[in-house]
Each structure stands twice: as C-alpha cells, then as structure tokens.
Amino acid sequence: PNDGWSRLYLANLCWRLCDNRAAERHYIAAIKILPT
C-alpha cells in the first residue's frame, strides 16, 4: 500500500479506462506517498 509507483501506474490505467474518480483517488495517494 505504500508503493507510490504502483499507485501511479494504477491511476494512469484507470484514466485510460475512463474511471476518472478512481484515477484521481490514486493520483492523490501517489503524491502523498511520493511528494518529492
């Protein structure tokens, strides 16, 4: 759950699948894990 790269990959894929709500949730999680 604390692997930011997995979150980022998943967010990009959710965007491709047009699940924008899930994509935004995972983008925010990725930024919290990898803020720098």
PDB file of all heavy atoms in Angstrom:
ATOM      1  N   PRO A   1       0.801  -1.229   0.000  1.00  0.00           N
ATOM      2  CA  PRO A   1       0.000   0.000   0.000  1.00  0.00           C
ATOM      3  C   PRO A   1       0.834   1.279   0.000  1.00  0.00           C
ATOM      4  O   PRO A   1       0.327   2.343  -0.364  1.00  0.00           O
ATOM      5  CB  PRO A   1      -0.826  -0.122   1.290  1.00  0.00           C
ATOM      6  CG  PRO A   1      -0.077  -1.093   2.140  1.00  0.00           C
ATOM      7  CD  PRO A   1       0.600  -2.038   1.207  1.00  0.00           C
ATOM      8  N   ASN A   2       2.093   1.196   0.388  1.00  0.00           N
ATOM      9  CA  ASN A   2       2.956   2.381   0.431  1.00  0.00           C
ATOM     10  C   ASN A   2       3.909   2.475  -0.755  1.00  0.00           C
ATOM     11  O   ASN A   2       4.881   3.240  -0.710  1.00  0.00           O
ATOM     12  CB  ASN A   2       3.764   2.395   1.733  1.00  0.00           C
ATOM     13  CG  ASN A   2       2.878   2.559   2.951  1.00  0.00           C
ATOM     14  OD1 ASN A   2       1.917   3.324   2.926  1.00  0.00           O
ATOM     15  ND2 ASN A   2       3.191   1.843   4.021  1.00  0.00           N
ATOM     16  N   ASP A   3       3.627   1.713  -1.811  1.00  0.00           N
ATOM     17  CA  ASP A   3       4.437   1.799  -3.034  1.00  0.00           C
ATOM     18  C   ASP A   3       3.785   2.830  -3.964  1.00  0.00           C
ATOM     19  O   ASP A   3       2.760   2.565  -4.592  1.00  0.00           O
ATOM     20  CB  ASP A   3       4.524   0.429  -3.709  1.00  0.00           C
ATOM     21  CG  ASP A   3       5.375   0.476  -4.973  1.00  0.00           C
ATOM     22  OD1 ASP A   3       6.254   1.362  -5.063  1.00  0.00           O
ATOM     23  OD2 ASP A   3       5.156  -0.344  -5.874  1.00  0.00           O
ATOM     24  N   GLY A   4       4.402   4.004  -4.047  1.00  0.00           N
ATOM     25  CA  GLY A   4       3.838   5.083  -4.843  1.00  0.00           C
ATOM     26  C   GLY A   4       3.790   4.784  -6.322  1.00  0.00           C
ATOM     27  O   GLY A   4       2.876   5.232  -7.033  1.00  0.00           O
ATOM     28  N   TRP A   5       4.768   4.024  -6.830  1.00  0.00           N
ATOM     29  CA  TRP A   5       4.796   3.704  -8.263  1.00  0.00           C
ATOM     30  C   TRP A   5       3.597   2.847  -8.659  1.00  0.00           C
ATOM     31  O   TRP A   5       2.993   3.060  -9.716  1.00  0.00           O
ATOM     32  CB  TRP A   5       6.095   3.004  -8.628  1.00  0.00           C
ATOM     33  CG  TRP A   5       7.259   3.928  -8.682  1.00  0.00           C
ATOM     34  CD1 TRP A   5       8.247   4.075  -7.759  1.00  0.00           C
ATOM     35  CD2 TRP A   5       7.553   4.873  -9.724  1.00  0.00           C
ATOM     36  NE1 TRP A   5       9.147   5.048  -8.155  1.00  0.00           N
ATOM     37  CE2 TRP A   5       8.748   5.546  -9.351  1.00  0.00           C
ATOM     38  CE3 TRP A   5       6.933   5.211 -10.915  1.00  0.00           C
ATOM     39  CZ2 TRP A   5       9.316   6.540 -10.147  1.00  0.00           C
ATOM     40  CZ3 TRP A   5       7.499   6.197 -11.715  1.00  0.00           C
ATOM     41  CH2 TRP A   5       8.676   6.848 -11.324  1.00  0.00           C
ATOM     42  N   SER A   6       3.227   1.883  -7.805  1.00  0.00           N
ATOM     43  CA  SER A   6       2.048   1.062  -8.101  1.00  0.00           C
ATOM     44  C   SER A   6       0.802   1.937  -8.189  1.00  0.00           C
ATOM     45  O   SER A   6      -0.053   1.752  -9.065  1.00  0.00           O
ATOM     46  CB  SER A   6       1.859  -0.008  -7.018  1.00  0.00           C
ATOM     47  OG  SER A   6       2.963  -0.870  -6.964  1.00  0.00           O
ATOM     48  N   ARG A   7       0.700   2.891  -7.282  1.00  0.00           N
ATOM     49  CA  ARG A   7      -0.440   3.810  -7.299  1.00  0.00           C
ATOM     50  C   ARG A   7      -0.454   4.639  -8.585  1.00  0.00           C
ATOM     51  O   ARG A   7      -1.513   4.872  -9.180  1.00  0.00           O
ATOM     52  CB  ARG A   7      -0.350   4.748  -6.094  1.00  0.00           C
ATOM     53  CG  ARG A   7      -0.535   4.069  -4.768  1.00  0.00           C
ATOM     54  CD  ARG A   7      -1.986   3.829  -4.466  1.00  0.00           C
ATOM     55  NE  ARG A   7      -2.158   3.252  -3.143  1.00  0.00           N
ATOM     56  CZ  ARG A   7      -3.319   2.970  -2.604  1.00  0.00           C
ATOM     57  NH1 ARG A   7      -4.434   3.207  -3.287  1.00  0.00           N
ATOM     58  NH2 ARG A   7      -3.408   2.437  -1.408  1.00  0.00           N
ATOM     59  N   LEU A   8       0.727   5.098  -9.000  1.00  0.00           N
ATOM     60  CA  LEU A   8       0.801   5.916 -10.208  1.00  0.00           C
ATOM     61  C   LEU A   8       0.428   5.115 -11.448  1.00  0.00           C
ATOM     62  O   LEU A   8      -0.325   5.592 -12.302  1.00  0.00           O
ATOM     63  CB  LEU A   8       2.205   6.489 -10.344  1.00  0.00           C
ATOM     64  CG  LEU A   8       2.433   7.517 -11.453  1.00  0.00           C
ATOM     65  CD1 LEU A   8       1.510   8.718 -11.263  1.00  0.00           C
ATOM     66  CD2 LEU A   8       3.885   7.964 -11.477  1.00  0.00           C
ATOM     67  N   TYR A   9       0.956   3.879 -11.558  1.00  0.00           N
ATOM     68  CA  TYR A   9       0.591   3.018 -12.695  1.00  0.00           C
ATOM     69  C   TYR A   9      -0.928   2.784 -12.715  1.00  0.00           C
ATOM     70  O   TYR A   9      -1.560   2.819 -13.779  1.00  0.00           O
ATOM     71  CB  TYR A   9       1.289   1.657 -12.598  1.00  0.00           C
ATOM     72  CG  TYR A   9       2.803   1.700 -12.606  1.00  0.00           C
ATOM     73  CD1 TYR A   9       3.545   0.706 -11.953  1.00  0.00           C
ATOM     74  CD2 TYR A   9       3.495   2.713 -13.256  1.00  0.00           C
ATOM     75  CE1 TYR A   9       4.921   0.728 -11.963  1.00  0.00           C
ATOM     76  CE2 TYR A   9       4.880   2.735 -13.273  1.00  0.00           C
ATOM     77  CZ  TYR A   9       5.589   1.744 -12.613  1.00  0.00           C
ATOM     78  OH  TYR A   9       6.956   1.762 -12.617  1.00  0.00           O
ATOM     79  N   LEU A  10      -1.498   2.524 -11.544  1.00  0.00           N
ATOM     80  CA  LEU A  10      -2.933   2.238 -11.468  1.00  0.00           C
ATOM     81  C   LEU A  10      -3.754   3.473 -11.832  1.00  0.00           C
ATOM     82  O   LEU A  10      -4.769   3.368 -12.531  1.00  0.00           O
ATOM     83  CB  LEU A  10      -3.279   1.750 -10.061  1.00  0.00           C
ATOM     84  CG  LEU A  10      -4.738   1.385  -9.794  1.00  0.00           C
ATOM     85  CD1 LEU A  10      -5.244   0.354 -10.790  1.00  0.00           C
ATOM     86  CD2 LEU A  10      -4.907   0.867  -8.366  1.00  0.00           C
ATOM     87  N   ALA A  11      -3.319   4.640 -11.394  1.00  0.00           N
ATOM     88  CA  ALA A  11      -4.037   5.873 -11.731  1.00  0.00           C
ATOM     89  C   ALA A  11      -4.050   6.107 -13.234  1.00  0.00           C
ATOM     90  O   ALA A  11      -5.089   6.438 -13.819  1.00  0.00           O
ATOM     91  CB  ALA A  11      -3.382   7.055 -11.010  1.00  0.00           C
ATOM     92  N   ASN A  12      -2.890   5.920 -13.879  1.00  0.00           N
ATOM     93  CA  ASN A  12      -2.824   6.094 -15.340  1.00  0.00           C
ATOM     94  C   ASN A  12      -3.754   5.121 -16.058  1.00  0.00           C
ATOM     95  O   ASN A  12      -4.412   5.479 -17.039  1.00  0.00           O
ATOM     96  CB  ASN A  12      -1.389   5.902 -15.819  1.00  0.00           C
ATOM     97  CG  ASN A  12      -0.482   7.045 -15.414  1.00  0.00           C
ATOM     98  OD1 ASN A  12      -0.933   8.156 -15.180  1.00  0.00           O
ATOM     99  ND2 ASN A  12       0.806   6.784 -15.320  1.00  0.00           N
ATOM    100  N   LEU A  13      -3.803   3.878 -15.562  1.00  0.00           N
ATOM    101  CA  LEU A  13      -4.652   2.874 -16.211  1.00  0.00           C
ATOM    102  C   LEU A  13      -6.132   3.184 -15.993  1.00  0.00           C
ATOM    103  O   LEU A  13      -6.948   3.034 -16.918  1.00  0.00           O
ATOM    104  CB  LEU A  13      -4.308   1.479 -15.671  1.00  0.00           C
ATOM    105  CG  LEU A  13      -4.982   0.309 -16.379  1.00  0.00           C
ATOM    106  CD1 LEU A  13      -4.602   0.270 -17.860  1.00  0.00           C
ATOM    107  CD2 LEU A  13      -4.611  -1.011 -15.710  1.00  0.00           C
ATOM    108  N   CYS A  14      -6.495   3.624 -14.789  1.00  0.00           N
ATOM    109  CA  CYS A  14      -7.899   3.981 -14.533  1.00  0.00           C
ATOM    110  C   CYS A  14      -8.329   5.131 -15.438  1.00  0.00           C
ATOM    111  O   CYS A  14      -9.478   5.168 -15.905  1.00  0.00           O
ATOM    112  CB  CYS A  14      -8.083   4.352 -13.064  1.00  0.00           C
ATOM    113  SG  CYS A  14      -8.004   2.955 -11.923  1.00  0.00           S
ATOM    114  N   TRP A  15      -7.433   6.063 -15.684  1.00  0.00           N
ATOM    115  CA  TRP A  15      -7.743   7.163 -16.608  1.00  0.00           C
ATOM    116  C   TRP A  15      -8.030   6.616 -18.000  1.00  0.00           C
ATOM    117  O   TRP A  15      -8.995   7.008 -18.664  1.00  0.00           O
ATOM    118  CB  TRP A  15      -6.578   8.149 -16.615  1.00  0.00           C
ATOM    119  CG  TRP A  15      -6.779   9.357 -17.484  1.00  0.00           C
ATOM    120  CD1 TRP A  15      -7.919   9.749 -18.113  1.00  0.00           C
ATOM    121  CD2 TRP A  15      -5.799  10.337 -17.828  1.00  0.00           C
ATOM    122  NE1 TRP A  15      -7.717  10.908 -18.824  1.00  0.00           N
ATOM    123  CE2 TRP A  15      -6.434  11.293 -18.669  1.00  0.00           C
ATOM    124  CE3 TRP A  15      -4.454  10.511 -17.509  1.00  0.00           C
ATOM    125  CZ2 TRP A  15      -5.749  12.382 -19.187  1.00  0.00           C
ATOM    126  CZ3 TRP A  15      -3.786  11.613 -18.024  1.00  0.00           C
ATOM    127  CH2 TRP A  15      -4.428  12.532 -18.852  1.00  0.00           C
ATOM    128  N   ARG A  16      -7.193   5.665 -18.459  1.00  0.00           N
ATOM    129  CA  ARG A  16      -7.417   5.055 -19.772  1.00  0.00           C
ATOM    130  C   ARG A  16      -8.754   4.342 -19.828  1.00  0.00           C
ATOM    131  O   ARG A  16      -9.410   4.315 -20.876  1.00  0.00           O
ATOM    132  CB  ARG A  16      -6.292   4.070 -20.106  1.00  0.00           C
ATOM    133  CG  ARG A  16      -4.972   4.718 -20.440  1.00  0.00           C
ATOM    134  CD  ARG A  16      -3.909   3.673 -20.710  1.00  0.00           C
ATOM    135  NE  ARG A  16      -4.259   2.818 -21.834  1.00  0.00           N
ATOM    136  CZ  ARG A  16      -3.587   1.722 -22.156  1.00  0.00           C
ATOM    137  NH1 ARG A  16      -2.549   1.341 -21.436  1.00  0.00           N
ATOM    138  NH2 ARG A  16      -3.952   0.999 -23.205  1.00  0.00           N
ATOM    139  N   LEU A  17      -9.169   3.751 -18.703  1.00  0.00           N
ATOM    140  CA  LEU A  17     -10.437   3.015 -18.651  1.00  0.00           C
ATOM    141  C   LEU A  17     -11.621   3.937 -18.356  1.00  0.00           C
ATOM    142  O   LEU A  17     -12.742   3.448 -18.136  1.00  0.00           O
ATOM    143  CB  LEU A  17     -10.351   1.913 -17.592  1.00  0.00           C
ATOM    144  CG  LEU A  17      -9.417   0.747 -17.921  1.00  0.00           C
ATOM    145  CD1 LEU A  17      -9.203  -0.126 -16.695  1.00  0.00           C
ATOM    146  CD2 LEU A  17      -9.981  -0.086 -19.068  1.00  0.00           C
ATOM    147  N   CYS A  18     -11.364   5.266 -18.328  1.00  0.00           N
ATOM    148  CA  CYS A  18     -12.403   6.273 -18.112  1.00  0.00           C
ATOM    149  C   CYS A  18     -13.032   6.205 -16.727  1.00  0.00           C
ATOM    150  O   CYS A  18     -14.149   6.713 -16.516  1.00  0.00           O
ATOM    151  CB  CYS A  18     -13.504   6.166 -19.183  1.00  0.00           C
ATOM    152  SG  CYS A  18     -12.875   6.403 -20.861  1.00  0.00           S
ATOM    153  N   ASP A  19     -12.339   5.593 -15.771  1.00  0.00           N
ATOM    154  CA  ASP A  19     -12.788   5.614 -14.380  1.00  0.00           C
ATOM    155  C   ASP A  19     -12.078   6.780 -13.698  1.00  0.00           C
ATOM    156  O   ASP A  19     -11.102   6.601 -12.956  1.00  0.00           O
ATOM    157  CB  ASP A  19     -12.462   4.286 -13.696  1.00  0.00           C
ATOM    158  CG  ASP A  19     -13.103   4.168 -12.323  1.00  0.00           C
ATOM    159  OD1 ASP A  19     -13.622   5.195 -11.820  1.00  0.00           O
ATOM    160  OD2 ASP A  19     -13.079   3.070 -11.735  1.00  0.00           O
ATOM    161  N   ASN A  20     -12.574   7.980 -13.956  1.00  0.00           N
ATOM    162  CA  ASN A  20     -11.865   9.190 -13.531  1.00  0.00           C
ATOM    163  C   ASN A  20     -11.855   9.368 -12.017  1.00  0.00           C
ATOM    164  O   ASN A  20     -10.892   9.907 -11.464  1.00  0.00           O
ATOM    165  CB  ASN A  20     -12.486  10.415 -14.196  1.00  0.00           C
ATOM    166  CG  ASN A  20     -12.347  10.366 -15.705  1.00  0.00           C
ATOM    167  OD1 ASN A  20     -11.372   9.841 -16.235  1.00  0.00           O
ATOM    168  ND2 ASN A  20     -13.336  10.886 -16.413  1.00  0.00           N
ATOM    169  N   ARG A  21     -12.896   8.930 -11.360  1.00  0.00           N
ATOM    170  CA  ARG A  21     -12.934   9.067  -9.904  1.00  0.00           C
ATOM    171  C   ARG A  21     -11.836   8.226  -9.258  1.00  0.00           C
ATOM    172  O   ARG A  21     -11.113   8.704  -8.378  1.00  0.00           O
ATOM    173  CB  ARG A  21     -14.310   8.653  -9.380  1.00  0.00           C
ATOM    174  CG  ARG A  21     -14.486   8.859  -7.891  1.00  0.00           C
ATOM    175  CD  ARG A  21     -15.896   8.536  -7.448  1.00  0.00           C
ATOM    176  NE  ARG A  21     -16.860   9.434  -8.065  1.00  0.00           N
ATOM    177  CZ  ARG A  21     -18.177   9.349  -7.871  1.00  0.00           C
ATOM    178  NH1 ARG A  21     -18.676   8.414  -7.084  1.00  0.00           N
ATOM    179  NH2 ARG A  21     -18.987  10.208  -8.471  1.00  0.00           N
ATOM    180  N   ALA A  22     -11.701   6.976  -9.713  1.00  0.00           N
ATOM    181  CA  ALA A  22     -10.637   6.110  -9.168  1.00  0.00           C
ATOM    182  C   ALA A  22      -9.264   6.641  -9.548  1.00  0.00           C
ATOM    183  O   ALA A  22      -8.326   6.605  -8.744  1.00  0.00           O
ATOM    184  CB  ALA A  22     -10.820   4.682  -9.684  1.00  0.00           C
ATOM    185  N   ALA A  23      -9.141   7.154 -10.773  1.00  0.00           N
ATOM    186  CA  ALA A  23      -7.847   7.689 -11.216  1.00  0.00           C
ATOM    187  C   ALA A  23      -7.407   8.831 -10.313  1.00  0.00           C
ATOM    188  O   ALA A  23      -6.256   8.870  -9.854  1.00  0.00           O
ATOM    189  CB  ALA A  23      -7.951   8.161 -12.666  1.00  0.00           C
ATOM    190  N   GLU A  24      -8.329   9.764 -10.029  1.00  0.00           N
ATOM    191  CA  GLU A  24      -7.953  10.900  -9.181  1.00  0.00           C
ATOM    192  C   GLU A  24      -7.579  10.437  -7.783  1.00  0.00           C
ATOM    193  O   GLU A  24      -6.623  10.943  -7.185  1.00  0.00           O
ATOM    194  CB  GLU A  24      -9.102  11.903  -9.125  1.00  0.00           C
ATOM    195  CG  GLU A  24      -8.749  13.153  -8.341  1.00  0.00           C
ATOM    196  CD  GLU A  24      -9.677  14.312  -8.614  1.00  0.00           C
ATOM    197  OE1 GLU A  24     -10.807  14.058  -9.091  1.00  0.00           O
ATOM    198  OE2 GLU A  24      -9.274  15.463  -8.363  1.00  0.00           O
ATOM    199  N   ARG A  25      -8.307   9.470  -7.255  1.00  0.00           N
ATOM    200  CA  ARG A  25      -8.009   8.959  -5.919  1.00  0.00           C
ATOM    201  C   ARG A  25      -6.593   8.376  -5.854  1.00  0.00           C
ATOM    202  O   ARG A  25      -5.842   8.638  -4.903  1.00  0.00           O
ATOM    203  CB  ARG A  25      -9.042   7.897  -5.528  1.00  0.00           C
ATOM    204  CG  ARG A  25      -8.872   7.388  -4.101  1.00  0.00           C
ATOM    205  CD  ARG A  25      -9.992   6.455  -3.712  1.00  0.00           C
ATOM    206  NE  ARG A  25      -9.926   5.168  -4.387  1.00  0.00           N
ATOM    207  CZ  ARG A  25     -10.757   4.771  -5.339  1.00  0.00           C
ATOM    208  NH1 ARG A  25     -11.724   5.572  -5.754  1.00  0.00           N
ATOM    209  NH2 ARG A  25     -10.649   3.587  -5.898  1.00  0.00           N
ATOM    210  N   HIS A  26      -6.217   7.622  -6.876  1.00  0.00           N
ATOM    211  CA  HIS A  26      -4.887   7.004  -6.865  1.00  0.00           C
ATOM    212  C   HIS A  26      -3.781   8.022  -7.162  1.00  0.00           C
ATOM    213  O   HIS A  26      -2.666   7.889  -6.656  1.00  0.00           O
ATOM    214  CB  HIS A  26      -4.847   5.844  -7.865  1.00  0.00           C
ATOM    215  CG  HIS A  26      -5.674   4.667  -7.442  1.00  0.00           C
ATOM    216  ND1 HIS A  26      -5.439   3.971  -6.287  1.00  0.00           N
ATOM    217  CD2 HIS A  26      -6.767   4.081  -8.027  1.00  0.00           C
ATOM    218  CE1 HIS A  26      -6.332   2.991  -6.162  1.00  0.00           C
ATOM    219  NE2 HIS A  26      -7.136   3.042  -7.205  1.00  0.00           N
ATOM    220  N   TYR A  27      -4.064   9.036  -7.987  1.00  0.00           N
ATOM    221  CA  TYR A  27      -3.070  10.099  -8.204  1.00  0.00           C
ATOM    222  C   TYR A  27      -2.763  10.808  -6.883  1.00  0.00           C
ATOM    223  O   TYR A  27      -1.594  11.060  -6.553  1.00  0.00           O
ATOM    224  CB  TYR A  27      -3.586  11.114  -9.225  1.00  0.00           C
ATOM    225  CG  TYR A  27      -3.386  10.718 -10.663  1.00  0.00           C
ATOM    226  CD1 TYR A  27      -4.452  10.731 -11.564  1.00  0.00           C
ATOM    227  CD2 TYR A  27      -2.126  10.344 -11.140  1.00  0.00           C
ATOM    228  CE1 TYR A  27      -4.274  10.376 -12.895  1.00  0.00           C
ATOM    229  CE2 TYR A  27      -1.943   9.988 -12.465  1.00  0.00           C
ATOM    230  CZ  TYR A  27      -3.018   9.995 -13.338  1.00  0.00           C
ATOM    231  OH  TYR A  27      -2.836   9.640 -14.652  1.00  0.00           O
ATOM    232  N   ILE A  28      -3.805  11.132  -6.135  1.00  0.00           N
ATOM    233  CA  ILE A  28      -3.611  11.825  -4.855  1.00  0.00           C
ATOM    234  C   ILE A  28      -2.830  10.934  -3.889  1.00  0.00           C
ATOM    235  O   ILE A  28      -1.934  11.408  -3.168  1.00  0.00           O
ATOM    236  CB  ILE A  28      -4.970  12.242  -4.272  1.00  0.00           C
ATOM    237  CG1 ILE A  28      -5.600  13.321  -5.164  1.00  0.00           C
ATOM    238  CG2 ILE A  28      -4.821  12.749  -2.840  1.00  0.00           C
ATOM    239  CD1 ILE A  28      -7.037  13.648  -4.814  1.00  0.00           C
ATOM    240  N   ALA A  29      -3.146   9.625  -3.871  1.00  0.00           N
ATOM    241  CA  ALA A  29      -2.418   8.698  -2.999  1.00  0.00           C
ATOM    242  C   ALA A  29      -0.949   8.618  -3.393  1.00  0.00           C
ATOM    243  O   ALA A  29      -0.057   8.591  -2.533  1.00  0.00           O
ATOM    244  CB  ALA A  29      -3.067   7.314  -3.057  1.00  0.00           C
ATOM    245  N   ALA A  30      -0.672   8.593  -4.711  1.00  0.00           N
ATOM    246  CA  ALA A  30       0.713   8.529  -5.181  1.00  0.00           C
ATOM    247  C   ALA A  30       1.487   9.777  -4.754  1.00  0.00           C
ATOM    248  O   ALA A  30       2.650   9.693  -4.354  1.00  0.00           O
ATOM    249  CB  ALA A  30       0.750   8.375  -6.700  1.00  0.00           C
ATOM    250  N   ILE A  31       0.839  10.949  -4.835  1.00  0.00           N
ATOM    251  CA  ILE A  31       1.505  12.193  -4.446  1.00  0.00           C
ATOM    252  C   ILE A  31       1.777  12.210  -2.943  1.00  0.00           C
ATOM    253  O   ILE A  31       2.831  12.682  -2.496  1.00  0.00           O
ATOM    254  CB  ILE A  31       0.660  13.404  -4.877  1.00  0.00           C
ATOM    255  CG1 ILE A  31       0.697  13.540  -6.403  1.00  0.00           C
ATOM    256  CG2 ILE A  31       1.152  14.691  -4.225  1.00  0.00           C
ATOM    257  CD1 ILE A  31      -0.271  14.556  -6.958  1.00  0.00           C
ATOM    258  N   LYS A  32       0.861  11.660  -2.148  1.00  0.00           N
ATOM    259  CA  LYS A  32       1.082  11.606  -0.701  1.00  0.00           C
ATOM    260  C   LYS A  32       2.252  10.684  -0.355  1.00  0.00           C
ATOM    261  O   LYS A  32       3.020  10.960   0.568  1.00  0.00           O
ATOM    262  CB  LYS A  32      -0.193  11.121   0.000  1.00  0.00           C
ATOM    263  CG  LYS A  32      -1.298  12.161   0.034  1.00  0.00           C
ATOM    264  CD  LYS A  32      -2.525  11.627   0.752  1.00  0.00           C
ATOM    265  CE  LYS A  32      -3.622  12.684   0.801  1.00  0.00           C
ATOM    266  NZ  LYS A  32      -4.853  12.156   1.454  1.00  0.00           N
ATOM    267  N   ILE A  33       2.390   9.589  -1.103  1.00  0.00           N
ATOM    268  CA  ILE A  33       3.477   8.643  -0.826  1.00  0.00           C
ATOM    269  C   ILE A  33       4.807   9.163  -1.372  1.00  0.00           C
ATOM    270  O   ILE A  33       5.856   9.022  -0.729  1.00  0.00           O
ATOM    271  CB  ILE A  33       3.144   7.260  -1.438  1.00  0.00           C
ATOM    272  CG1 ILE A  33       1.891   6.674  -0.795  1.00  0.00           C
ATOM    273  CG2 ILE A  33       4.317   6.293  -1.261  1.00  0.00           C
ATOM    274  CD1 ILE A  33       1.321   5.476  -1.529  1.00  0.00           C
ATOM    275  N   LEU A  34       4.777   9.766  -2.569  1.00  0.00           N
ATOM    276  CA  LEU A  34       5.997  10.268  -3.215  1.00  0.00           C
ATOM    277  C   LEU A  34       5.863  11.776  -3.477  1.00  0.00           C
ATOM    278  O   LEU A  34       5.808  12.207  -4.626  1.00  0.00           O
ATOM    279  CB  LEU A  34       6.240   9.516  -4.529  1.00  0.00           C
ATOM    280  CG  LEU A  34       6.439   8.006  -4.439  1.00  0.00           C
ATOM    281  CD1 LEU A  34       6.453   7.381  -5.817  1.00  0.00           C
ATOM    282  CD2 LEU A  34       7.729   7.676  -3.708  1.00  0.00           C
ATOM    283  N   PRO A  35       5.826  12.586  -2.423  1.00  0.00           N
ATOM    284  CA  PRO A  35       5.592  14.027  -2.627  1.00  0.00           C
ATOM    285  C   PRO A  35       6.748  14.748  -3.301  1.00  0.00           C
ATOM    286  O   PRO A  35       6.561  15.844  -3.831  1.00  0.00           O
ATOM    287  CB  PRO A  35       5.380  14.548  -1.201  1.00  0.00           C
ATOM    288  CG  PRO A  35       6.099  13.571  -0.331  1.00  0.00           C
ATOM    289  CD  PRO A  35       5.974  12.245  -1.010  1.00  0.00           C
ATOM    290  N   THR A  36       7.938  14.165  -3.280  1.00  0.00           N
ATOM    291  CA  THR A  36       9.104  14.838  -3.878  1.00  0.00           C
ATOM    292  C   THR A  36       9.481  14.248  -5.234  1.00  0.00           C
ATOM    293  O   THR A  36      10.580  14.502  -5.725  1.00  0.00           O
ATOM    294  CB  THR A  36      10.318  14.741  -2.925  1.00  0.00           C
ATOM    295  OG1 THR A  36      10.619  13.361  -2.664  1.00  0.00           O
ATOM    296  CG2 THR A  36      10.028  15.448  -1.614  1.00  0.00           C
TER     297      THR A  36
END
